Protein backbone atom coordinates (compact mmCIF):
# COMPACT_ATOMS: atom_id res chain seq x y z
CA MET A 1 56.19 115.51 63.36
CA TYR A 2 54.30 117.65 65.83
CA ILE A 3 52.24 119.10 62.93
CA PHE A 4 51.77 115.54 61.62
CA PHE A 5 50.22 114.40 64.92
CA ILE A 6 47.69 117.27 64.80
CA PHE A 7 46.19 116.15 61.49
CA ALA A 8 47.16 112.51 60.85
CA PRO A 9 44.83 110.99 63.45
CA HIS A 10 41.90 112.65 61.64
CA ILE A 11 42.47 110.89 58.34
CA VAL A 12 38.78 109.82 58.14
CA LEU A 13 37.48 113.27 58.99
CA LEU A 14 39.87 114.95 56.55
CA GLY A 15 38.95 112.50 53.76
CA HIS A 16 35.26 113.12 54.28
CA PHE A 17 35.72 116.86 54.35
CA PHE A 18 37.86 116.80 51.21
CA SER A 19 35.40 114.68 49.22
CA GLU A 20 32.18 116.30 50.35
CA HIS A 21 32.97 119.96 51.14
CA THR A 22 35.46 121.00 48.49
CA LYS A 23 34.66 121.80 44.87
CA PHE A 24 37.73 119.92 43.64
CA GLY A 25 36.69 116.80 45.53
CA GLN A 26 33.09 116.92 44.19
CA ASP A 27 33.91 117.66 40.51
CA ASN A 28 36.80 115.32 39.72
CA PHE A 29 36.24 111.76 40.92
CA ILE A 30 39.54 110.30 39.64
CA CYS A 31 41.72 113.08 40.97
CA LYS A 32 39.89 112.96 44.26
CA TRP A 33 40.66 109.27 44.79
CA ILE A 34 44.27 109.70 43.58
CA ILE A 35 44.81 112.47 46.12
CA LEU A 36 43.02 110.56 48.89
CA THR A 37 45.09 107.45 48.16
CA ALA A 38 48.34 109.45 48.12
CA MET A 39 47.36 111.09 51.42
CA ILE A 40 46.57 107.69 53.03
CA VAL A 41 49.84 106.18 51.76
CA PHE A 42 51.88 109.17 52.98
CA ILE A 43 50.26 109.21 56.42
CA SER A 44 50.58 105.42 56.75
CA TYR A 45 54.25 105.56 55.81
CA LEU A 46 55.01 108.23 58.41
CA TRP A 47 52.94 106.35 60.98
CA MET A 48 54.86 103.12 60.43
CA LYS A 49 58.19 104.95 60.44
CA VAL A 50 57.36 106.63 63.76
CA ASN A 51 56.41 103.32 65.42
CA ILE A 52 59.24 101.23 64.01
CA ALA A 53 62.20 103.56 63.63
CA PRO A 54 61.57 106.98 65.17
CA HIS A 55 64.09 109.61 64.11
CA THR A 56 66.58 111.02 66.62
CA LYS A 57 69.49 113.43 66.26
CA LYS A 58 71.28 111.91 69.25
CA GLN A 59 74.31 109.63 68.81
CA ILE A 60 73.25 106.01 69.18
CA VAL A 61 75.98 103.70 70.50
CA ASN A 62 74.14 100.37 70.30
CA LEU A 63 70.82 98.74 69.32
CA ARG A 64 69.48 98.59 72.88
CA LEU A 65 69.88 102.34 73.32
CA ARG A 66 68.29 102.92 69.88
CA VAL A 67 65.20 100.92 70.89
CA MET A 68 65.01 102.53 74.36
CA LEU A 69 65.50 106.08 73.11
CA GLY A 70 62.96 105.44 70.34
CA GLY A 71 60.53 104.27 73.01
CA ARG A 72 61.04 107.55 74.88
CA ARG A 73 60.34 109.59 71.76
CA ILE A 74 57.22 107.55 70.92
CA VAL A 75 55.83 107.97 74.44
CA LEU A 76 56.35 111.75 74.20
CA TYR A 77 54.62 111.72 70.81
CA GLY A 78 51.73 109.83 72.39
CA LEU A 79 51.39 112.22 75.32
CA TYR A 80 51.62 115.21 72.97
CA THR A 81 48.97 113.72 70.65
CA ALA A 82 46.65 113.02 73.58
CA LEU A 83 46.99 116.62 74.78
CA ILE A 84 46.58 118.29 71.39
CA GLN A 85 43.66 116.08 70.35
CA THR A 86 41.86 116.79 73.63
CA VAL A 87 42.17 120.52 72.94
CA ILE A 88 40.98 120.03 69.33
CA TYR A 89 37.86 118.11 70.37
CA LEU A 90 36.99 120.61 73.07
CA THR A 91 37.27 123.57 70.65
CA SER A 92 35.97 122.14 67.35
CA HIS A 93 32.56 120.78 68.38
CA ALA A 94 30.69 123.73 66.87
CA ALA A 95 32.69 123.59 63.62
CA ILE A 96 31.85 119.92 63.13
CA GLN A 97 28.13 120.71 63.50
CA ASN A 98 28.34 123.65 61.03
CA PHE A 99 29.81 121.46 58.31
CA GLY A 100 27.12 118.86 58.87
CA ILE A 101 29.53 115.96 59.23
CA PRO A 102 27.65 112.71 59.93
CA LYS A 103 27.75 111.42 63.47
CA LYS A 104 29.11 107.99 62.36
CA ILE A 105 32.14 109.74 60.74
CA VAL A 106 32.82 111.64 63.97
CA ILE A 107 32.57 108.41 65.99
CA ILE A 108 34.93 106.51 63.65
CA ASP A 109 37.34 109.46 63.68
CA SER A 110 37.30 109.52 67.49
CA ILE A 111 37.96 105.75 67.68
CA ILE A 112 40.93 106.07 65.33
CA VAL A 113 42.39 108.98 67.35
CA VAL A 114 42.10 106.94 70.61
CA LEU A 115 43.68 103.87 68.96
CA ILE A 116 46.56 105.93 67.62
CA ILE A 117 47.27 107.45 71.05
CA ILE A 118 47.08 104.02 72.76
CA THR A 119 49.37 102.44 70.11
CA LEU A 120 51.97 105.17 70.61
CA LEU A 121 51.96 104.94 74.40
CA VAL A 122 51.93 101.14 74.55
CA ASN A 123 54.66 100.80 71.92
CA GLY A 124 56.86 103.39 73.58
CA MET A 125 56.43 102.01 77.12
CA LEU A 126 57.08 98.46 76.00
CA ARG A 127 60.34 99.56 74.40
CA ILE A 128 61.52 101.31 77.58
CA LEU A 129 60.40 98.51 79.92
CA CYS A 130 62.07 95.83 77.81
CA THR A 131 65.38 97.61 77.29
CA SER A 132 66.10 99.89 80.25
CA ARG A 133 68.65 98.49 82.69
CA ARG A 134 67.88 101.08 85.36
CA LEU A 135 64.36 99.69 85.69
CA ASN A 136 64.81 96.50 87.69
CA ILE A 137 62.12 93.82 87.87
CA VAL A 138 60.28 95.49 90.77
CA LYS A 139 60.33 98.89 89.09
CA ARG A 140 59.14 97.40 85.81
CA LEU A 141 56.17 95.79 87.54
CA ILE A 142 55.29 99.02 89.35
CA VAL A 143 55.63 101.17 86.23
CA GLY A 144 53.71 98.65 84.13
CA PHE A 145 50.84 98.49 86.65
CA TRP A 146 50.46 102.23 87.19
CA SER A 147 50.60 102.87 83.45
CA PHE A 148 47.01 101.59 83.28
CA ILE A 149 45.70 104.08 85.85
CA PRO A 150 44.32 107.24 84.17
CA ILE A 151 45.95 110.58 85.04
CA ILE A 152 48.56 108.84 87.24
CA ASN A 153 49.88 107.08 84.12
CA ILE A 154 50.92 110.44 82.68
CA PHE A 155 53.39 111.00 85.48
CA ILE A 156 54.52 107.35 85.34
CA MET A 157 55.26 107.66 81.60
CA LEU A 158 57.15 110.91 82.13
CA TYR A 159 59.13 109.16 84.85
CA ALA A 160 59.97 106.32 82.46
CA CYS A 161 61.06 108.81 79.82
CA HIS A 162 63.28 110.54 82.41
CA ILE A 163 64.90 107.22 83.35
CA ALA A 164 65.56 106.47 79.69
CA GLU A 165 67.19 109.83 79.12
CA MET A 166 69.39 109.47 82.20
CA GLU A 167 70.42 105.98 81.16
CA TYR A 168 71.27 107.22 77.66
CA ASP A 169 73.45 110.03 79.03
CA HIS A 170 75.20 107.59 81.33
CA GLU A 171 75.89 105.15 78.51
CA CYS A 172 77.30 107.95 76.37
CA TYR A 173 79.57 108.96 79.24
CA LYS A 174 80.83 105.39 79.41
CA VAL A 175 81.47 105.31 75.66
CA ILE A 176 83.49 108.54 75.88
CA ASN A 177 85.53 107.02 78.74
CA HIS A 178 86.08 103.80 76.78
CA GLU A 179 87.25 105.71 73.71
CA ALA A 180 89.57 107.89 75.82
CA ARG A 181 91.12 104.77 77.41
CA VAL A 182 91.41 102.66 74.30
CA ASP A 183 94.78 100.87 74.22
CA SER A 184 95.84 102.64 77.44
CA ALA A 185 95.52 99.51 79.64
CA VAL A 186 94.84 101.61 82.77
CA CYS A 187 94.15 98.46 84.79
CA LYS A 188 97.20 96.46 83.63
CA THR A 189 98.79 96.05 87.05
CA LYS A 190 102.21 94.49 87.64
CA TYR A 191 100.62 91.67 89.58
CA PRO A 192 97.32 89.86 88.74
CA LEU A 193 94.09 90.61 90.63
CA VAL A 194 92.36 88.12 92.90
CA LEU A 195 88.74 89.03 93.69
CA VAL A 196 87.64 87.54 97.01
CA HIS A 197 83.87 87.37 97.64
CA GLY A 198 81.96 87.87 100.89
CA VAL A 199 79.80 85.62 103.02
CA GLY A 200 76.84 83.69 101.68
CA PHE A 201 78.01 83.60 98.06
CA ARG A 202 80.27 81.58 95.82
CA ASP A 203 82.24 82.29 92.65
CA LEU A 204 79.85 80.75 90.18
CA LYS A 205 80.55 80.30 86.50
CA TYR A 206 77.48 81.99 85.07
CA ILE A 207 76.46 84.33 87.89
CA ASN A 208 79.34 86.61 88.79
CA TYR A 209 79.42 87.89 92.34
CA TRP A 210 81.11 91.06 91.13
CA GLY A 211 78.58 91.87 88.41
CA ARG A 212 79.91 93.80 85.44
CA ILE A 213 83.14 94.84 87.24
CA PRO A 214 85.55 92.04 86.17
CA LYS A 215 84.64 92.37 82.49
CA GLU A 216 85.48 96.09 82.55
CA LEU A 217 88.73 95.49 84.43
CA ILE A 218 89.78 92.87 81.89
CA ARG A 219 88.82 95.16 79.04
CA ASN A 220 91.22 97.73 80.46
CA GLY A 221 94.13 95.35 80.76
CA ALA A 222 93.71 93.54 84.11
CA LYS A 223 94.30 89.86 84.71
CA VAL A 224 91.45 88.75 86.96
CA TYR A 225 91.17 85.61 89.09
CA TYR A 226 88.82 84.62 91.93
CA GLY A 227 89.33 83.38 95.48
CA ASN A 228 86.93 80.44 95.10
CA GLN A 229 86.50 80.07 98.85
CA GLU A 230 83.35 78.73 100.45
CA ALA A 231 80.19 80.71 101.08
CA TRP A 232 79.86 79.81 104.78
CA GLY A 233 83.33 78.58 105.59
CA THR A 234 85.04 79.94 108.68
CA VAL A 235 87.73 82.57 108.29
CA GLU A 236 90.39 79.93 108.98
CA TYR A 237 89.01 77.39 106.50
CA ASN A 238 88.47 79.97 103.73
CA ALA A 239 91.98 81.39 104.25
CA LYS A 240 93.42 77.98 103.31
CA ASP A 241 91.27 77.86 100.15
CA ILE A 242 92.43 81.33 99.10
CA LYS A 243 96.07 80.44 99.83
CA ASN A 244 95.89 77.38 97.57
CA LYS A 245 94.24 79.41 94.83
CA ILE A 246 96.91 82.10 94.96
CA LEU A 247 99.69 79.55 94.81
CA ASP A 248 98.02 78.07 91.73
CA ILE A 249 97.80 81.56 90.16
CA LEU A 250 101.46 82.27 90.82
CA LYS A 251 102.44 78.95 89.29
CA GLU A 252 100.24 79.59 86.23
CA THR A 253 101.32 83.20 85.61
CA GLY A 254 104.89 83.08 86.77
CA CYS A 255 104.31 86.22 88.82
CA GLU A 256 105.83 86.78 92.22
CA LYS A 257 102.78 88.30 93.92
CA VAL A 258 99.08 89.11 93.54
CA ASN A 259 96.83 92.02 94.38
CA ILE A 260 93.72 91.07 96.38
CA ILE A 261 90.47 92.98 96.23
CA ALA A 262 88.14 91.58 98.92
CA HIS A 263 84.55 92.43 99.82
CA SER A 264 82.92 92.05 103.24
CA LYS A 265 84.08 88.87 105.06
CA GLY A 266 86.51 88.25 102.21
CA GLY A 267 88.67 90.99 103.73
CA LEU A 268 88.89 89.03 106.99
CA ASP A 269 89.64 85.78 105.15
CA ALA A 270 92.45 87.51 103.25
CA ARG A 271 93.95 89.23 106.32
CA TYR A 272 94.08 85.90 108.18
CA MET A 273 95.65 84.21 105.15
CA ILE A 274 98.39 86.83 104.79
CA SER A 275 99.22 86.94 108.50
CA LYS A 276 98.66 83.46 109.84
CA LEU A 277 99.40 81.34 106.74
CA GLU A 278 102.63 83.19 105.97
CA MET A 279 101.52 84.56 102.61
CA GLY A 280 102.93 88.07 103.07
CA ASP A 281 105.67 87.45 100.51
CA TYR A 282 103.10 86.56 97.86
CA VAL A 283 100.62 89.39 98.30
CA ALA A 284 101.51 92.90 97.10
CA SER A 285 98.31 94.68 98.24
CA LEU A 286 95.04 94.01 99.92
CA THR A 287 92.08 96.30 99.09
CA MET A 288 89.11 95.75 101.37
CA ILE A 289 85.60 96.91 100.46
CA SER A 290 83.12 97.18 103.37
CA SER A 291 84.84 94.54 105.51
CA PRO A 292 83.65 94.37 109.16
CA HIS A 293 87.08 94.58 110.86
CA ARG A 294 85.58 95.56 114.18
CA GLY A 295 82.50 93.41 113.88
CA CYS A 296 78.80 94.25 113.79
CA LYS A 297 76.87 94.97 116.94
CA PHE A 298 73.65 93.57 115.50
CA VAL A 299 75.45 90.18 115.30
CA ASP A 300 76.10 90.51 119.06
CA ILE A 301 72.35 90.73 119.47
CA ALA A 302 71.76 87.74 117.18
CA CYS A 303 74.23 85.70 119.21
CA LYS A 304 71.94 86.03 122.25
CA ILE A 305 69.35 83.87 120.55
CA PRO A 306 68.98 80.55 122.46
CA ASP A 307 71.74 78.22 121.36
CA LYS A 308 69.40 75.41 120.31
CA ILE A 309 67.51 77.71 117.96
CA TYR A 310 70.76 79.19 116.58
CA LYS A 311 72.19 75.70 115.91
CA ALA A 312 68.95 74.61 114.23
CA VAL A 313 69.16 77.61 111.85
CA ALA A 314 72.85 76.79 111.27
CA ARG A 315 72.05 73.19 110.32
CA PHE A 316 69.46 74.42 107.81
CA PHE A 317 72.02 76.74 106.13
CA ASP A 318 74.80 74.15 106.18
CA LYS A 319 72.52 71.52 104.55
CA HIS A 320 71.51 73.81 101.68
CA TYR A 321 74.92 75.34 101.08
CA LYS A 322 76.41 71.88 100.70
CA LEU A 323 74.05 71.49 97.73
CA LEU A 324 75.49 74.75 96.28
CA GLY A 325 79.05 73.46 96.50
CA ASP A 326 80.37 74.15 99.99
CA LYS A 327 82.46 71.21 101.24
CA ASN A 328 82.60 72.33 104.86
CA PRO A 329 79.97 74.99 105.61
CA ASP A 330 79.89 76.16 109.23
CA PHE A 331 77.22 78.79 109.57
CA TYR A 332 77.26 78.64 113.38
CA THR A 333 80.92 79.56 113.72
CA ALA A 334 81.30 81.78 110.62
CA SER A 335 78.34 83.99 111.53
CA ARG A 336 79.59 84.48 115.06
CA GLN A 337 82.96 85.61 113.73
CA PHE A 338 81.19 88.91 112.85
CA SER A 339 80.57 89.72 116.53
CA THR A 340 82.45 92.65 118.08
CA TYR A 341 84.07 90.57 120.81
CA HIS A 342 85.37 88.02 118.29
CA SER A 343 86.60 90.81 116.03
CA LYS A 344 88.52 92.40 118.90
CA LYS A 345 90.31 89.12 119.62
CA PHE A 346 90.88 88.60 115.86
CA ASN A 347 92.53 92.00 115.47
CA GLU A 348 94.82 91.36 118.42
CA GLU A 349 96.04 88.08 116.93
CA VAL A 350 96.05 88.80 113.19
CA LYS A 351 98.64 91.48 112.63
CA ASP A 352 99.32 93.30 109.35
CA VAL A 353 102.38 92.20 107.42
CA GLU A 354 104.79 95.05 106.82
CA GLN A 355 105.51 94.47 103.13
CA VAL A 356 101.85 94.28 102.17
CA TYR A 357 99.93 97.47 101.29
CA TYR A 358 96.56 97.54 103.09
CA GLN A 359 93.77 99.90 102.04
CA SER A 360 90.04 100.07 102.66
CA TYR A 361 86.83 101.65 101.40
CA THR A 362 83.22 101.63 102.41
CA SER A 363 79.85 103.08 101.40
CA VAL A 364 76.66 104.28 103.13
CA VAL A 365 72.95 104.14 102.49
CA LYS A 366 70.81 107.11 103.43
CA ASN A 367 67.70 105.62 105.04
CA ILE A 368 65.71 102.46 105.75
CA PHE A 369 64.09 102.56 102.30
CA SER A 370 67.42 102.74 100.40
CA ASP A 371 67.79 98.98 100.01
CA TYR A 372 65.01 96.68 101.16
CA VAL A 373 67.41 93.69 101.32
CA VAL A 374 69.33 95.21 104.21
CA ALA A 375 66.55 97.39 105.70
CA ILE A 376 66.34 95.52 109.06
CA PRO A 377 70.09 95.28 109.83
CA TYR A 378 70.43 98.91 108.68
CA ILE A 379 68.16 99.99 111.57
CA PHE A 380 70.17 98.07 114.20
CA VAL A 381 73.53 99.28 112.88
CA LYS A 382 72.25 102.87 112.57
CA LEU A 383 70.99 102.90 116.16
CA THR A 384 74.13 101.30 117.64
CA GLU A 385 77.00 102.42 115.41
CA GLY A 386 75.80 105.25 113.13
CA GLU A 387 76.16 105.53 109.35
CA ASN A 388 76.49 102.24 107.51
CA ASP A 389 75.94 100.44 104.22
CA GLY A 390 73.13 98.29 105.60
CA LEU A 391 75.44 95.83 107.32
CA VAL A 392 78.81 97.39 108.17
CA ALA A 393 79.39 100.69 109.97
CA ILE A 394 81.94 103.19 108.74
CA ASP A 395 84.32 102.77 111.71
CA SER A 396 84.21 98.98 111.41
CA ALA A 397 85.16 99.12 107.72
CA LYS A 398 88.34 101.23 108.29
CA TRP A 399 91.59 99.33 108.03
CA GLY A 400 95.07 100.18 106.76
CA GLU A 401 94.95 103.34 104.66
CA PHE A 402 91.28 104.33 104.67
CA LYS A 403 90.58 105.79 101.18
CA GLY A 404 87.06 107.10 101.75
CA ILE A 405 83.31 106.59 101.69
CA PHE A 406 81.34 105.97 98.53
CA ARG A 407 78.24 108.18 98.36
CA ASN A 408 75.97 109.36 95.58
CA LYS A 409 73.70 112.33 94.90
CA GLY A 410 70.46 110.36 95.00
CA ARG A 411 68.21 109.51 97.93
CA ARG A 412 69.33 105.89 97.93
CA GLY A 413 72.97 105.89 98.78
CA ILE A 414 75.26 102.90 98.05
CA SER A 415 74.51 99.68 99.94
CA HIS A 416 76.59 96.64 100.88
CA GLY A 417 75.37 94.88 97.73
CA ASP A 418 75.51 97.91 95.42
CA ILE A 419 79.24 98.26 95.96
CA ILE A 420 79.82 94.91 94.18
CA ASP A 421 77.30 95.67 91.41
CA LEU A 422 74.93 93.05 92.83
CA ARG A 423 71.88 94.44 91.02
CA ARG A 424 73.75 95.55 87.87
CA ASP A 425 72.19 98.98 88.34
CA ASP A 426 73.56 102.47 87.59
CA TYR A 427 72.92 104.95 90.37
CA LYS A 428 72.68 108.70 90.06
CA GLY A 429 76.04 110.32 90.73
CA PHE A 430 77.84 106.97 91.24
CA ASP A 431 79.36 104.57 88.75
CA VAL A 432 80.47 101.45 90.61
CA ILE A 433 82.35 100.04 87.57
CA GLU A 434 84.37 103.21 87.15
CA LYS A 435 85.22 103.20 90.85
CA TYR A 436 86.88 99.83 90.53
CA VAL A 437 88.71 100.97 87.40
CA LYS A 438 90.01 103.89 89.40
CA ILE A 439 91.00 101.63 92.39
CA VAL A 440 92.95 99.27 90.11
CA SER A 441 94.57 102.06 88.09
CA GLU A 442 95.79 103.58 91.37
CA LEU A 443 97.31 100.21 92.29
CA LYS A 444 99.04 100.19 88.92
CA ASN A 445 100.41 103.70 89.49
CA LYS A 446 101.72 102.64 92.89
CA GLY A 447 103.73 99.89 91.19
CA TYR A 448 101.58 96.98 92.24
């Protein structure tokens, strides 16, 4: 193919040279046109094949990866063609003049070469932009825009190719894991799982708070249910919702207990339910992900806002969250329950139940640019409490048996939203879905 892209773009120039400057082309009209036609058909066939179904020796696990990996190969073909044709034009100017090739033939040939290069690059980039899951909407817009800027677009296209290759490797790794775990049911715990969401969200039917995580847990044998508590309900109110949901699950499944995996405020809701609503006999384990057990100091600062303004903001949130399904939203009280002084009182009153296994995890981001959604609170937490995930500091997230901090090898880190697969992204050196598979498999091994 690399030889093909040296000569194929010059089909007009080659045809002219063959017909005018070779004895065979001048003496035998019929053979000349047969050979020219065969050459055009052959080049056209390869050209269509390259743009529609580029060849690859790599294992393709699904159609999306085939299209994406094909796009990467086409972009590399385009960049190679642009480079080699530039060299050819710079070094063959004298040869073209010696053969007396008409200027209009050279112009037509040049136009075709440019069109071929543009077609390759546009086709390849569109394939990558439309199929890559690692390129979110913002990245797609940035890559798409800079792809039109000369010189810079070379590096942008190489970046897109790099992303495509990384994503392919990651998908292959997942396939290997899936095949290794087939029929093993590593997530088939003794008791069903109840996923309890954090503040500001609800368990919606078509938009899952936990991203791709539940589907993978179910695929590996888990029975998954949801807390279905309110987005801005107080800890006490949400605890009652979760209690009723768990009792329904126990009645439906016939199980004696459940395992709870809770994120953020969901961990506080679950702790209160177990301790204060006498649900210790019905909960085998509580796994808390980035829950603010000791509060957030930046909430202490927010609480100093004049009460009239705070209540006005609260009314705005309550009004709109009622439209989203909350029956009793209470932004004013629920948000203040994240303060350090409320958390201290909460921890004194809400004691762990002996027969329930408590464990916790957290994650950290690396700088203010890691996740723009939590950039501002990250600064406050960093200055007052140290390393954090954009909202919750490490020390605040520790409760029960602290199992560790999720980090990755990239410059981003893992934010408060990343840890629940909020963006459905795959980060370098960290697979959030596999982390949950590991957490649940460990619960299974512990007998829960």
